[in-house]
């Protein structure tokens, strides 16, 4: 069960990393940071979730 959740979270983590890069570039071009902060929080949340789920997996 944890493997499936971890795989889904890994895909979401990669997508959030791409969104973070996109929002960083968009924030530089338009001088707005709201989208960047949202992407940063999403990336941080999914990173922490990745660590917690990895720790919960049975060896």
Protein backbone atom coordinates (compact mmCIF):
# COMPACT_ATOMS: atom_id res chain seq x y z
CA UNK A 1 0.00 0.00 0.00
CA UNK A 2 2.75 2.47 0.93
CA UNK A 3 4.60 1.72 -2.31
CA UNK A 4 1.61 2.81 -4.39
CA UNK A 5 1.15 5.99 -2.37
CA UNK A 6 4.88 6.70 -2.59
CA UNK A 7 4.87 6.23 -6.37
CA UNK A 8 1.93 8.61 -6.77
CA UNK A 9 3.58 11.14 -4.46
CA UNK A 10 6.83 10.85 -6.42
CA UNK A 11 5.04 11.74 -9.65
CA UNK A 12 3.33 14.68 -7.93
CA UNK A 13 6.69 15.74 -6.48
CA UNK A 14 8.30 15.90 -9.93
CA UNK A 15 5.32 17.84 -11.28
CA UNK A 16 5.55 20.31 -8.39
CA UNK A 17 9.27 20.77 -9.06
CA UNK A 18 8.50 21.63 -12.67
CA UNK A 19 5.77 24.02 -11.52
CA UNK A 20 8.26 25.63 -9.13
CA UNK A 21 10.72 26.28 -11.96
CA UNK A 22 7.93 27.63 -14.17
CA UNK A 23 6.56 29.91 -11.46
CA UNK A 24 10.05 31.20 -10.66
CA UNK A 25 10.52 32.25 -14.29
CA UNK A 26 7.00 33.65 -14.50
CA UNK A 27 7.57 35.61 -11.29
CA UNK A 28 10.73 37.18 -12.70
CA UNK A 29 9.03 38.18 -15.94
CA UNK A 30 5.85 39.61 -14.38
CA UNK A 31 7.26 40.75 -11.02
CA UNK A 32 4.61 38.83 -9.08
CA UNK A 33 5.47 36.37 -6.37
CA UNK A 34 2.13 34.87 -5.32
CA UNK A 35 2.34 31.94 -7.73
CA UNK A 36 5.97 31.31 -6.74
CA UNK A 37 5.10 31.09 -3.03
CA UNK A 38 2.26 28.70 -3.79
CA UNK A 39 4.61 26.49 -5.82
CA UNK A 40 7.26 26.62 -3.11
CA UNK A 41 4.78 25.60 -0.41
CA UNK A 42 3.44 22.77 -2.58
CA UNK A 43 6.96 21.53 -3.28
CA UNK A 44 7.90 21.67 0.41
CA UNK A 45 4.72 19.84 1.46
CA UNK A 46 5.25 17.06 -1.07
CA UNK A 47 8.92 16.78 -0.09
CA UNK A 48 8.01 16.32 3.56
CA UNK A 49 5.29 13.84 2.61
CA UNK A 50 7.85 11.89 0.56
CA UNK A 51 10.15 11.64 3.58
CA UNK A 52 7.37 10.60 5.96
CA UNK A 53 5.96 7.93 3.65
CA UNK A 54 9.45 6.54 3.05
CA UNK A 55 9.94 6.28 6.80
CA UNK A 56 6.59 4.51 7.25
CA UNK A 57 7.39 1.81 4.71
CA UNK A 58 8.06 -1.57 6.21
CA UNK A 59 11.57 -2.89 5.52
